[in-house]
Amino acid sequence: MQFASFPPTLPYYRRPERMTSPGRHAALFRDLPGDVAELAGILHGLVIHEHIAGIYGVTLTEDDRASVHVRRTEDLLGLICSRDSRPLSVPREPAARLPGNCRHFTVLMVAMLRAQGVAARARCGFGSYFGNGLFEDHWVCEYWDAAAQDWKLVDAQIDAKQLEIFAVDFDLTDVPRDRFLIAGDAWVRCREGAADPSVFGLSLIKESGMWWIAANLMRDAAALGNIELLPWDSWGAMPAPYEEIGTDELVLFDQLAGYTQKPDEAFDLLRQTCADDARLAVPAAVVNSLRKREEPL
């Protein structure tokens, strides 16, 4: 939707926060291009997706994959520089890129845009353009296009190599909102019977369902509060795999979905709800479900 005037949330989403601040590596963001597509191109030369490294001729070890558990931009930049100290604009060979996933591409894109004073935020949901007819677990960056006076979605992960295997027929700097569904949209569609929950999840591990949508809904709400967590971080009311969602939680997630669908209009309600409800509030430490341990933020 276009706004008659600038949404009042723009200053909030221009500020680097704990996950998006470059910290001691702020100088690396100087002199980067302002064009969104060019910034995505820079990320293509810095990060390699852990699950499709093979298409670049790269085989990752478990030690290589440790970086996928890194949450903060400052730490990600430190790892990138430890591998190659050249400017970020210099593309690394695939084997020298930092293993990550869609969340890492997204958070780094948000960080780069905020460093230039552009309002940007991470969105967690599901993409339908991965060639299998499903809505796959995915993250993209939502940025404020000042010329259009509207929020747009950019997928900073998909590069030329991935375009050869994925069903992308649109501008990756303006992803259609029916090709990437924020988790709140997926939740509402399924609750209304307009979509099948079994097509929302991660086909790589053959998991899907309302519990997965609810988990991404909480992660999306947290990201709208500038706490961009890992795709497998869990806390509070987040359902366990295939756990039946109780009546009270259904009401809670219905409310949360509505707020995340209109995060600018519902900004205060969303922040207050996520702060005051212990089931939603992000604690000082969350459970890394892959490592099966609690980790401080």
C-alpha atoms as a PDB file:
ATOM      1  CA  MET A   1       0.000   0.000   0.000  1.00  0.00           C
ATOM      2  CA  GLN A   2       1.140   3.552  -0.640  1.00  0.00           C
ATOM      3  CA  PHE A   3       1.144   6.048   2.203  1.00  0.00           C
ATOM      4  CA  ALA A   4      -0.309   9.534   1.925  1.00  0.00           C
ATOM      5  CA  SER A   5       2.574  10.659   4.108  1.00  0.00           C
ATOM      6  CA  PHE A   6       5.662   9.071   5.582  1.00  0.00           C
ATOM      7  CA  PRO A   7       4.837   6.498   8.258  1.00  0.00           C
ATOM      8  CA  PRO A   8       6.002   7.632  11.705  1.00  0.00           C
ATOM      9  CA  THR A   9       7.966   4.391  12.139  1.00  0.00           C
ATOM     10  CA  LEU A  10      10.698   5.364   9.665  1.00  0.00           C
ATOM     11  CA  PRO A  11      13.102   6.808  12.279  1.00  0.00           C
ATOM     12  CA  TYR A  12      12.798   3.611  14.321  1.00  0.00           C
ATOM     13  CA  TYR A  13      13.755   1.465  11.341  1.00  0.00           C
ATOM     14  CA  ARG A  14      16.650   3.709  10.351  1.00  0.00           C
ATOM     15  CA  ARG A  15      18.489   3.080  13.627  1.00  0.00           C
ATOM     16  CA  PRO A  16      21.005   0.243  13.831  1.00  0.00           C
ATOM     17  CA  GLU A  17      20.230  -1.945  16.828  1.00  0.00           C
ATOM     18  CA  ARG A  18      22.037  -4.813  18.526  1.00  0.00           C
ATOM     19  CA  MET A  19      21.648  -7.264  15.613  1.00  0.00           C
ATOM     20  CA  THR A  20      22.134  -4.712  12.819  1.00  0.00           C
ATOM     21  CA  SER A  21      24.847  -2.429  14.194  1.00  0.00           C
ATOM     22  CA  PRO A  22      28.227  -2.799  12.448  1.00  0.00           C
ATOM     23  CA  GLY A  23      29.864  -1.750  15.718  1.00  0.00           C
ATOM     24  CA  ARG A  24      33.659  -1.690  15.485  1.00  0.00           C
ATOM     25  CA  HIS A  25      33.411  -2.486  11.762  1.00  0.00           C
ATOM     26  CA  ALA A  26      31.365   0.592  10.835  1.00  0.00           C
ATOM     27  CA  ALA A  27      34.100   1.797   8.475  1.00  0.00           C
ATOM     28  CA  LEU A  28      33.396  -1.180   6.210  1.00  0.00           C
ATOM     29  CA  PHE A  29      30.026   0.335   5.308  1.00  0.00           C
ATOM     30  CA  ARG A  30      31.494   3.623   4.129  1.00  0.00           C
ATOM     31  CA  ASP A  31      31.399   4.268   0.393  1.00  0.00           C
ATOM     32  CA  LEU A  32      28.989   1.419  -0.317  1.00  0.00           C
ATOM     33  CA  PRO A  33      26.538   2.087  -3.180  1.00  0.00           C
ATOM     34  CA  GLY A  34      23.074   3.366  -2.372  1.00  0.00           C
ATOM     35  CA  ASP A  35      21.354   1.200  -4.963  1.00  0.00           C
ATOM     36  CA  VAL A  36      19.509  -1.751  -3.408  1.00  0.00           C
ATOM     37  CA  ALA A  37      20.347  -4.158  -6.238  1.00  0.00           C
ATOM     38  CA  GLU A  38      24.034  -3.237  -6.018  1.00  0.00           C
ATOM     39  CA  LEU A  39      24.038  -3.847  -2.275  1.00  0.00           C
ATOM     40  CA  ALA A  40      22.515  -7.275  -2.853  1.00  0.00           C
ATOM     41  CA  GLY A  41      25.254  -7.940  -5.396  1.00  0.00           C
ATOM     42  CA  ILE A  42      27.881  -7.120  -2.790  1.00  0.00           C
ATOM     43  CA  LEU A  43      26.311  -9.601  -0.385  1.00  0.00           C
ATOM     44  CA  HIS A  44      26.380 -12.271  -3.092  1.00  0.00           C
ATOM     45  CA  GLY A  45      30.156 -11.951  -3.061  1.00  0.00           C
ATOM     46  CA  LEU A  46      30.433 -12.157   0.727  1.00  0.00           C
ATOM     47  CA  VAL A  47      28.000 -14.858   1.894  1.00  0.00           C
ATOM     48  CA  ILE A  48      27.223 -18.363   0.649  1.00  0.00           C
ATOM     49  CA  HIS A  49      24.015 -20.166   1.589  1.00  0.00           C
ATOM     50  CA  GLU A  50      24.879 -23.220   3.636  1.00  0.00           C
ATOM     51  CA  HIS A  51      22.276 -25.474   1.995  1.00  0.00           C
ATOM     52  CA  ILE A  52      23.082 -24.708  -1.641  1.00  0.00           C
ATOM     53  CA  ALA A  53      26.852 -24.300  -1.452  1.00  0.00           C
ATOM     54  CA  GLY A  54      27.151 -27.279  -3.791  1.00  0.00           C
ATOM     55  CA  ILE A  55      25.887 -25.330  -6.798  1.00  0.00           C
ATOM     56  CA  TYR A  56      29.000 -23.145  -6.438  1.00  0.00           C
ATOM     57  CA  GLY A  57      31.277 -26.186  -6.221  1.00  0.00           C
ATOM     58  CA  VAL A  58      31.779 -25.737  -2.472  1.00  0.00           C
ATOM     59  CA  THR A  59      31.546 -28.445   0.183  1.00  0.00           C
ATOM     60  CA  LEU A  60      31.104 -27.165   3.730  1.00  0.00           C
ATOM     61  CA  THR A  61      32.256 -28.950   6.861  1.00  0.00           C
ATOM     62  CA  GLU A  62      30.437 -28.736  10.172  1.00  0.00           C
ATOM     63  CA  ASP A  63      33.134 -26.347  11.359  1.00  0.00           C
ATOM     64  CA  ASP A  64      32.477 -24.154   8.320  1.00  0.00           C
ATOM     65  CA  ARG A  65      28.789 -24.033   9.222  1.00  0.00           C
ATOM     66  CA  ALA A  66      29.424 -22.615  12.688  1.00  0.00           C
ATOM     67  CA  SER A  67      28.906 -19.115  11.300  1.00  0.00           C
ATOM     68  CA  VAL A  68      25.217 -19.803  10.627  1.00  0.00           C
ATOM     69  CA  HIS A  69      24.681 -19.534  14.397  1.00  0.00           C
ATOM     70  CA  VAL A  70      26.114 -16.001  14.548  1.00  0.00           C
ATOM     71  CA  ARG A  71      23.375 -13.432  15.145  1.00  0.00           C
ATOM     72  CA  ARG A  72      24.987  -9.991  15.187  1.00  0.00           C
ATOM     73  CA  THR A  73      26.104  -7.996  12.152  1.00  0.00           C
ATOM     74  CA  GLU A  74      29.216  -6.817  13.995  1.00  0.00           C
ATOM     75  CA  ASP A  75      30.302 -10.416  14.540  1.00  0.00           C
ATOM     76  CA  LEU A  76      29.423 -11.446  10.977  1.00  0.00           C
ATOM     77  CA  LEU A  77      31.536  -8.608   9.605  1.00  0.00           C
ATOM     78  CA  GLY A  78      34.388  -9.671  11.867  1.00  0.00           C
ATOM     79  CA  LEU A  79      34.253 -13.177  10.428  1.00  0.00           C
ATOM     80  CA  ILE A  80      34.094 -11.875   6.851  1.00  0.00           C
ATOM     81  CA  CYS A  81      37.165  -9.714   7.461  1.00  0.00           C
ATOM     82  CA  SER A  82      39.074 -12.513   9.147  1.00  0.00           C
ATOM     83  CA  ARG A  83      38.709 -14.501   5.911  1.00  0.00           C
ATOM     84  CA  ASP A  84      39.529 -11.598   3.586  1.00  0.00           C
ATOM     85  CA  SER A  85      40.456  -8.080   4.697  1.00  0.00           C
ATOM     86  CA  ARG A  86      39.695  -6.409   1.370  1.00  0.00           C
ATOM     87  CA  PRO A  87      36.753  -3.976   1.070  1.00  0.00           C
ATOM     88  CA  LEU A  88      33.285  -5.527   1.106  1.00  0.00           C
ATOM     89  CA  SER A  89      32.778  -4.450  -2.499  1.00  0.00           C
ATOM     90  CA  VAL A  90      35.403  -6.967  -3.627  1.00  0.00           C
ATOM     91  CA  PRO A  91      33.626 -10.281  -4.337  1.00  0.00           C
ATOM     92  CA  ARG A  92      35.168 -13.323  -2.705  1.00  0.00           C
ATOM     93  CA  GLU A  93      35.521 -16.657  -4.426  1.00  0.00           C
ATOM     94  CA  PRO A  94      32.659 -18.965  -3.364  1.00  0.00           C
ATOM     95  CA  ALA A  95      34.857 -21.071  -1.085  1.00  0.00           C
ATOM     96  CA  ALA A  96      35.996 -17.917   0.747  1.00  0.00           C
ATOM     97  CA  ARG A  97      32.487 -16.609   1.407  1.00  0.00           C
ATOM     98  CA  LEU A  98      30.935 -16.799   4.853  1.00  0.00           C
ATOM     99  CA  PRO A  99      28.403 -19.626   5.240  1.00  0.00           C
ATOM    100  CA  GLY A 100      24.987 -18.292   6.216  1.00  0.00           C
ATOM    101  CA  ASN A 101      21.366 -18.486   5.167  1.00  0.00           C
ATOM    102  CA  CYS A 102      18.526 -16.217   4.087  1.00  0.00           C
ATOM    103  CA  ARG A 103      18.387 -14.615   7.521  1.00  0.00           C
ATOM    104  CA  HIS A 104      22.067 -13.581   7.307  1.00  0.00           C
ATOM    105  CA  PHE A 105      21.668 -12.065   3.843  1.00  0.00           C
ATOM    106  CA  THR A 106      18.625 -10.193   5.130  1.00  0.00           C
ATOM    107  CA  VAL A 107      20.133  -8.870   8.346  1.00  0.00           C
ATOM    108  CA  LEU A 108      23.268  -7.689   6.555  1.00  0.00           C
ATOM    109  CA  MET A 109      21.113  -5.941   3.943  1.00  0.00           C
ATOM    110  CA  VAL A 110      19.109  -4.248   6.685  1.00  0.00           C
ATOM    111  CA  ALA A 111      22.359  -3.179   8.361  1.00  0.00           C
ATOM    112  CA  MET A 112      23.807  -1.755   5.130  1.00  0.00           C
ATOM    113  CA  LEU A 113      20.655   0.221   4.362  1.00  0.00           C
ATOM    114  CA  ARG A 114      20.342   1.583   7.891  1.00  0.00           C
ATOM    115  CA  ALA A 115      23.971   2.693   7.760  1.00  0.00           C
ATOM    116  CA  GLN A 116      22.927   4.918   4.843  1.00  0.00           C
ATOM    117  CA  GLY A 117      19.894   6.287   6.671  1.00  0.00           C
ATOM    118  CA  VAL A 118      17.370   4.144   4.792  1.00  0.00           C
ATOM    119  CA  ALA A 119      14.550   2.642   6.836  1.00  0.00           C
ATOM    120  CA  ALA A 120      14.725  -1.142   6.586  1.00  0.00           C
ATOM    121  CA  ARG A 121      13.537  -4.151   8.567  1.00  0.00           C
ATOM    122  CA  ALA A 122      13.813  -7.918   8.356  1.00  0.00           C
ATOM    123  CA  ARG A 123      10.677  -9.913   7.571  1.00  0.00           C
ATOM    124  CA  CYS A 124      10.256 -13.600   8.336  1.00  0.00           C
ATOM    125  CA  GLY A 125       7.807 -15.697   6.342  1.00  0.00           C
ATOM    126  CA  PHE A 126       7.625 -17.974   3.333  1.00  0.00           C
ATOM    127  CA  GLY A 127       8.693 -17.794  -0.320  1.00  0.00           C
ATOM    128  CA  SER A 128       6.874 -19.559  -3.147  1.00  0.00           C
ATOM    129  CA  TYR A 129       9.619 -19.176  -5.770  1.00  0.00           C
ATOM    130  CA  PHE A 130      11.925 -22.074  -4.996  1.00  0.00           C
ATOM    131  CA  GLY A 131      10.650 -24.333  -7.752  1.00  0.00           C
ATOM    132  CA  ASN A 132       8.755 -26.952  -5.747  1.00  0.00           C
ATOM    133  CA  GLY A 133       5.248 -25.508  -5.439  1.00  0.00           C
ATOM    134  CA  LEU A 134       5.634 -24.960  -1.690  1.00  0.00           C
ATOM    135  CA  PHE A 135       5.979 -21.912   0.523  1.00  0.00           C
ATOM    136  CA  GLU A 136       9.475 -22.363   1.920  1.00  0.00           C
ATOM    137  CA  ASP A 137      10.703 -20.863   5.189  1.00  0.00           C
ATOM    138  CA  HIS A 138      12.479 -17.649   4.176  1.00  0.00           C
ATOM    139  CA  TRP A 139      13.581 -14.148   5.198  1.00  0.00           C
ATOM    140  CA  VAL A 140      13.722 -10.982   3.108  1.00  0.00           C
ATOM    141  CA  CYS A 141      14.451  -7.311   3.741  1.00  0.00           C
ATOM    142  CA  GLU A 142      11.651  -4.738   3.675  1.00  0.00           C
ATOM    143  CA  TYR A 143      12.938  -1.255   2.836  1.00  0.00           C
ATOM    144  CA  TRP A 144      11.348   2.150   2.435  1.00  0.00           C
ATOM    145  CA  ASP A 145      11.381   3.304  -1.196  1.00  0.00           C
ATOM    146  CA  ALA A 146      11.281   7.081  -0.849  1.00  0.00           C
ATOM    147  CA  ALA A 147      10.445   7.637  -4.520  1.00  0.00           C
ATOM    148  CA  ALA A 148       7.454   5.288  -4.397  1.00  0.00           C
ATOM    149  CA  GLN A 149       6.576   6.274  -0.820  1.00  0.00           C
ATOM    150  CA  ASP A 150       6.049   2.639  -0.009  1.00  0.00           C
ATOM    151  CA  TRP A 151       7.693  -0.368   1.584  1.00  0.00           C
ATOM    152  CA  LYS A 152       9.215  -2.867  -0.838  1.00  0.00           C
ATOM    153  CA  LEU A 153      10.684  -6.323  -0.354  1.00  0.00           C
ATOM    154  CA  VAL A 154      14.176  -7.211  -1.573  1.00  0.00           C
ATOM    155  CA  ASP A 155      15.517 -10.751  -1.627  1.00  0.00           C
ATOM    156  CA  ALA A 156      19.236 -10.242  -1.059  1.00  0.00           C
ATOM    157  CA  GLN A 157      20.033 -13.965  -1.280  1.00  0.00           C
ATOM    158  CA  ILE A 158      19.095 -14.832  -4.868  1.00  0.00           C
ATOM    159  CA  ASP A 159      22.019 -14.336  -7.240  1.00  0.00           C
ATOM    160  CA  ALA A 160      22.583 -15.226 -10.900  1.00  0.00           C
ATOM    161  CA  LYS A 161      23.514 -18.817 -10.044  1.00  0.00           C
ATOM    162  CA  GLN A 162      20.348 -19.324  -8.029  1.00  0.00           C
ATOM    163  CA  LEU A 163      18.256 -17.793 -10.800  1.00  0.00           C
ATOM    164  CA  GLU A 164      19.216 -20.839 -12.853  1.00  0.00           C
ATOM    165  CA  ILE A 165      17.430 -23.179 -10.429  1.00  0.00           C
ATOM    166  CA  PHE A 166      14.655 -21.138  -8.804  1.00  0.00           C
ATOM    167  CA  ALA A 167      11.355 -19.975 -10.305  1.00  0.00           C
ATOM    168  CA  VAL A 168      11.958 -16.237 -10.170  1.00  0.00           C
ATOM    169  CA  ASP A 169      10.099 -14.165 -12.759  1.00  0.00           C
ATOM    170  CA  PHE A 170      10.029 -10.818 -10.963  1.00  0.00           C
ATOM    171  CA  ASP A 171      12.266  -7.966  -9.819  1.00  0.00           C
ATOM    172  CA  LEU A 172      14.143  -9.185  -6.745  1.00  0.00           C
ATOM    173  CA  THR A 173      14.225  -5.622  -5.399  1.00  0.00           C
ATOM    174  CA  ASP A 174      10.423  -5.516  -5.455  1.00  0.00           C
ATOM    175  CA  VAL A 175       9.283  -9.022  -4.552  1.00  0.00           C
ATOM    176  CA  PRO A 176       5.507  -9.427  -5.041  1.00  0.00           C
ATOM    177  CA  ARG A 177       3.691  -9.902  -1.764  1.00  0.00           C
ATOM    178  CA  ASP A 178       1.946 -13.004  -3.036  1.00  0.00           C
ATOM    179  CA  ARG A 179       5.331 -14.608  -3.809  1.00  0.00           C
ATOM    180  CA  PHE A 180       6.733 -13.889  -0.380  1.00  0.00           C
ATOM    181  CA  LEU A 181       4.169 -14.101   2.396  1.00  0.00           C
ATOM    182  CA  ILE A 182       5.045 -12.583   5.720  1.00  0.00           C
ATOM    183  CA  ALA A 183       4.227 -15.088   8.453  1.00  0.00           C
ATOM    184  CA  GLY A 184       1.145 -13.102   9.491  1.00  0.00           C
ATOM    185  CA  ASP A 185      -0.342 -13.365   6.003  1.00  0.00           C
ATOM    186  CA  ALA A 186       0.336 -17.114   5.945  1.00  0.00           C
ATOM    187  CA  TRP A 187      -1.288 -17.499   9.374  1.00  0.00           C
ATOM    188  CA  VAL A 188      -4.433 -15.612   8.358  1.00  0.00           C
ATOM    189  CA  ARG A 189      -4.780 -17.482   5.066  1.00  0.00           C
ATOM    190  CA  CYS A 190      -4.592 -20.823   6.832  1.00  0.00           C
ATOM    191  CA  ARG A 191      -6.921 -19.797   9.656  1.00  0.00           C
ATOM    192  CA  GLU A 192      -9.493 -18.672   7.082  1.00  0.00           C
ATOM    193  CA  GLY A 193      -9.163 -21.910   5.128  1.00  0.00           C
ATOM    194  CA  ALA A 194      -7.730 -20.145   2.077  1.00  0.00           C
ATOM    195  CA  ALA A 195      -4.420 -22.048   2.261  1.00  0.00           C
ATOM    196  CA  ASP A 196      -3.182 -25.455   3.393  1.00  0.00           C
ATOM    197  CA  PRO A 197      -0.788 -25.284   6.381  1.00  0.00           C
ATOM    198  CA  SER A 198       1.070 -28.339   5.079  1.00  0.00           C
ATOM    199  CA  VAL A 199       2.641 -26.294   2.260  1.00  0.00           C
ATOM    200  CA  PHE A 200       4.303 -23.882   4.708  1.00  0.00           C
ATOM    201  CA  GLY A 201       7.581 -25.074   6.212  1.00  0.00           C
ATOM    202  CA  LEU A 202      10.974 -26.334   5.163  1.00  0.00           C
ATOM    203  CA  SER A 203      10.969 -29.124   2.602  1.00  0.00           C
ATOM    204  CA  LEU A 204      14.663 -29.850   3.221  1.00  0.00           C
ATOM    205  CA  ILE A 205      13.757 -31.445   6.543  1.00  0.00           C
ATOM    206  CA  LYS A 206      10.169 -32.341   5.560  1.00  0.00           C
ATOM    207  CA  GLU A 207       8.516 -30.236   8.265  1.00  0.00           C
ATOM    208  CA  SER A 208       5.527 -27.947   7.863  1.00  0.00           C
ATOM    209  CA  GLY A 209       2.244 -26.899   9.442  1.00  0.00           C
ATOM    210  CA  MET A 210       0.595 -24.309  11.660  1.00  0.00           C
ATOM    211  CA  TRP A 211       3.221 -24.747  14.351  1.00  0.00           C
ATOM    212  CA  TRP A 212       5.900 -23.669  11.860  1.00  0.00           C
ATOM    213  CA  ILE A 213       3.846 -20.662  10.757  1.00  0.00           C
ATOM    214  CA  ALA A 214       3.291 -19.665  14.405  1.00  0.00           C
ATOM    215  CA  ALA A 215       7.030 -19.871  15.066  1.00  0.00           C
ATOM    216  CA  ASN A 216       7.827 -17.638  12.090  1.00  0.00           C
ATOM    217  CA  LEU A 217       5.079 -15.265  13.199  1.00  0.00           C
ATOM    218  CA  MET A 218       6.855 -14.789  16.517  1.00  0.00           C
ATOM    219  CA  ARG A 219      10.208 -14.345  14.783  1.00  0.00           C
ATOM    220  CA  ASP A 220       8.686 -11.767  12.430  1.00  0.00           C
ATOM    221  CA  ALA A 221       7.159  -9.869  15.339  1.00  0.00           C
ATOM    222  CA  ALA A 222      10.515  -9.894  17.115  1.00  0.00           C
ATOM    223  CA  ALA A 223      12.230  -8.592  13.959  1.00  0.00           C
ATOM    224  CA  LEU A 224       9.685  -5.774  13.755  1.00  0.00           C
ATOM    225  CA  GLY A 225      10.919  -4.912  17.246  1.00  0.00           C
ATOM    226  CA  ASN A 226      14.502  -4.868  15.900  1.00  0.00           C
ATOM    227  CA  ILE A 227      15.461  -8.237  17.388  1.00  0.00           C
ATOM    228  CA  GLU A 228      16.330 -10.393  14.375  1.00  0.00           C
ATOM    229  CA  LEU A 229      16.811 -13.916  15.683  1.00  0.00           C
ATOM    230  CA  LEU A 230      18.032 -17.100  14.037  1.00  0.00           C
ATOM    231  CA  PRO A 231      15.499 -19.205  12.097  1.00  0.00           C
ATOM    232  CA  TRP A 232      15.786 -21.892  14.784  1.00  0.00           C
ATOM    233  CA  ASP A 233      15.742 -19.719  17.899  1.00  0.00           C
ATOM    234  CA  SER A 234      12.756 -20.462  20.136  1.00  0.00           C
ATOM    235  CA  TRP A 235      11.201 -19.001  23.273  1.00  0.00           C
ATOM    236  CA  GLY A 236       7.892 -18.425  25.053  1.00  0.00           C
ATOM    237  CA  ALA A 237       4.727 -19.489  23.271  1.00  0.00           C
ATOM    238  CA  MET A 238       6.546 -20.852  20.224  1.00  0.00           C
ATOM    239  CA  PRO A 239       5.094 -24.335  19.543  1.00  0.00           C
ATOM    240  CA  ALA A 240       7.267 -27.421  19.469  1.00  0.00           C
ATOM    241  CA  PRO A 241       7.290 -29.391  16.196  1.00  0.00           C
ATOM    242  CA  TYR A 242       3.780 -30.642  15.406  1.00  0.00           C
ATOM    243  CA  GLU A 243       2.476 -29.457  18.767  1.00  0.00           C
ATOM    244  CA  GLU A 244      -1.233 -28.723  18.722  1.00  0.00           C
ATOM    245  CA  ILE A 245      -1.856 -25.043  19.314  1.00  0.00           C
ATOM    246  CA  GLY A 246      -4.285 -24.397  22.173  1.00  0.00           C
ATOM    247  CA  THR A 247      -7.252 -22.044  22.114  1.00  0.00           C
ATOM    248  CA  ASP A 248      -5.548 -19.283  24.108  1.00  0.00           C
ATOM    249  CA  GLU A 249      -2.517 -19.366  21.823  1.00  0.00           C
ATOM    250  CA  LEU A 250      -4.712 -19.311  18.717  1.00  0.00           C
ATOM    251  CA  VAL A 251      -6.262 -16.087  19.973  1.00  0.00           C
ATOM    252  CA  LEU A 252      -2.806 -14.704  20.740  1.00  0.00           C
ATOM    253  CA  PHE A 253      -1.432 -15.572  17.296  1.00  0.00           C
ATOM    254  CA  ASP A 254      -4.545 -14.219  15.558  1.00  0.00           C
ATOM    255  CA  GLN A 255      -3.923 -10.890  17.290  1.00  0.00           C
ATOM    256  CA  LEU A 256      -0.199 -10.957  16.546  1.00  0.00           C
ATOM    257  CA  ALA A 257      -0.793 -11.751  12.873  1.00  0.00           C
ATOM    258  CA  GLY A 258      -3.080  -8.758  12.541  1.00  0.00           C
ATOM    259  CA  TYR A 259      -0.478  -6.455  14.044  1.00  0.00           C
ATOM    260  CA  THR A 260       2.345  -7.746  11.823  1.00  0.00           C
ATOM    261  CA  GLN A 261       0.208  -7.361   8.712  1.00  0.00           C
ATOM    262  CA  LYS A 262       0.044  -3.607   9.377  1.00  0.00           C
ATOM    263  CA  PRO A 263       3.168  -2.959  11.443  1.00  0.00           C
ATOM    264  CA  ASP A 264       3.217   0.797  10.891  1.00  0.00           C
ATOM    265  CA  GLU A 265      -0.406   1.397  11.862  1.00  0.00           C
ATOM    266  CA  ALA A 266      -0.205  -1.098  14.752  1.00  0.00           C
ATOM    267  CA  PHE A 267       3.335  -0.191  15.787  1.00  0.00           C
ATOM    268  CA  ASP A 268       2.571   0.796  19.378  1.00  0.00           C
ATOM    269  CA  LEU A 269       0.189  -2.117  19.950  1.00  0.00           C
ATOM    270  CA  LEU A 270       2.677  -4.582  18.502  1.00  0.00           C
ATOM    271  CA  ARG A 271       5.575  -3.344  20.622  1.00  0.00           C
ATOM    272  CA  GLN A 272       3.479  -3.184  23.776  1.00  0.00           C
ATOM    273  CA  THR A 273       2.046  -6.667  23.256  1.00  0.00           C
ATOM    274  CA  CYS A 274       5.450  -8.201  22.552  1.00  0.00           C
ATOM    275  CA  ALA A 275       6.921  -6.483  25.591  1.00  0.00           C
ATOM    276  CA  ASP A 276       4.124  -7.129  28.080  1.00  0.00           C
ATOM    277  CA  ASP A 277       3.027 -10.660  27.214  1.00  0.00           C
ATOM    278  CA  ALA A 278       5.518 -13.127  28.659  1.00  0.00           C
ATOM    279  CA  ARG A 279       4.571 -15.618  25.973  1.00  0.00           C
ATOM    280  CA  LEU A 280       5.913 -13.276  23.271  1.00  0.00           C
ATOM    281  CA  ALA A 281       8.576 -11.166  24.968  1.00  0.00           C
ATOM    282  CA  VAL A 282      12.071 -12.052  23.780  1.00  0.00           C
ATOM    283  CA  PRO A 283      14.076 -13.057  26.873  1.00  0.00           C
ATOM    284  CA  ALA A 284      17.738 -12.369  27.566  1.00  0.00           C
ATOM    285  CA  ALA A 285      18.515 -15.887  26.339  1.00  0.00           C
ATOM    286  CA  VAL A 286      16.714 -18.066  23.795  1.00  0.00           C
ATOM    287  CA  VAL A 287      16.939 -21.734  22.897  1.00  0.00           C
ATOM    288  CA  ASN A 288      19.035 -22.544  19.854  1.00  0.00           C
ATOM    289  CA  SER A 289      16.969 -25.530  18.727  1.00  0.00           C
ATOM    290  CA  LEU A 290      19.699 -26.924  16.475  1.00  0.00           C
ATOM    291  CA  ARG A 291      22.344 -26.840  19.162  1.00  0.00           C
ATOM    292  CA  LYS A 292      19.774 -27.800  21.831  1.00  0.00           C
ATOM    293  CA  ARG A 293      20.998 -25.230  24.284  1.00  0.00           C
ATOM    294  CA  GLU A 294      20.116 -21.856  25.693  1.00  0.00           C
ATOM    295  CA  GLU A 295      22.168 -18.954  24.336  1.00  0.00           C
ATOM    296  CA  PRO A 296      22.354 -15.330  25.499  1.00  0.00           C
ATOM    297  CA  LEU A 297      21.447 -12.569  23.099  1.00  0.00           C
END
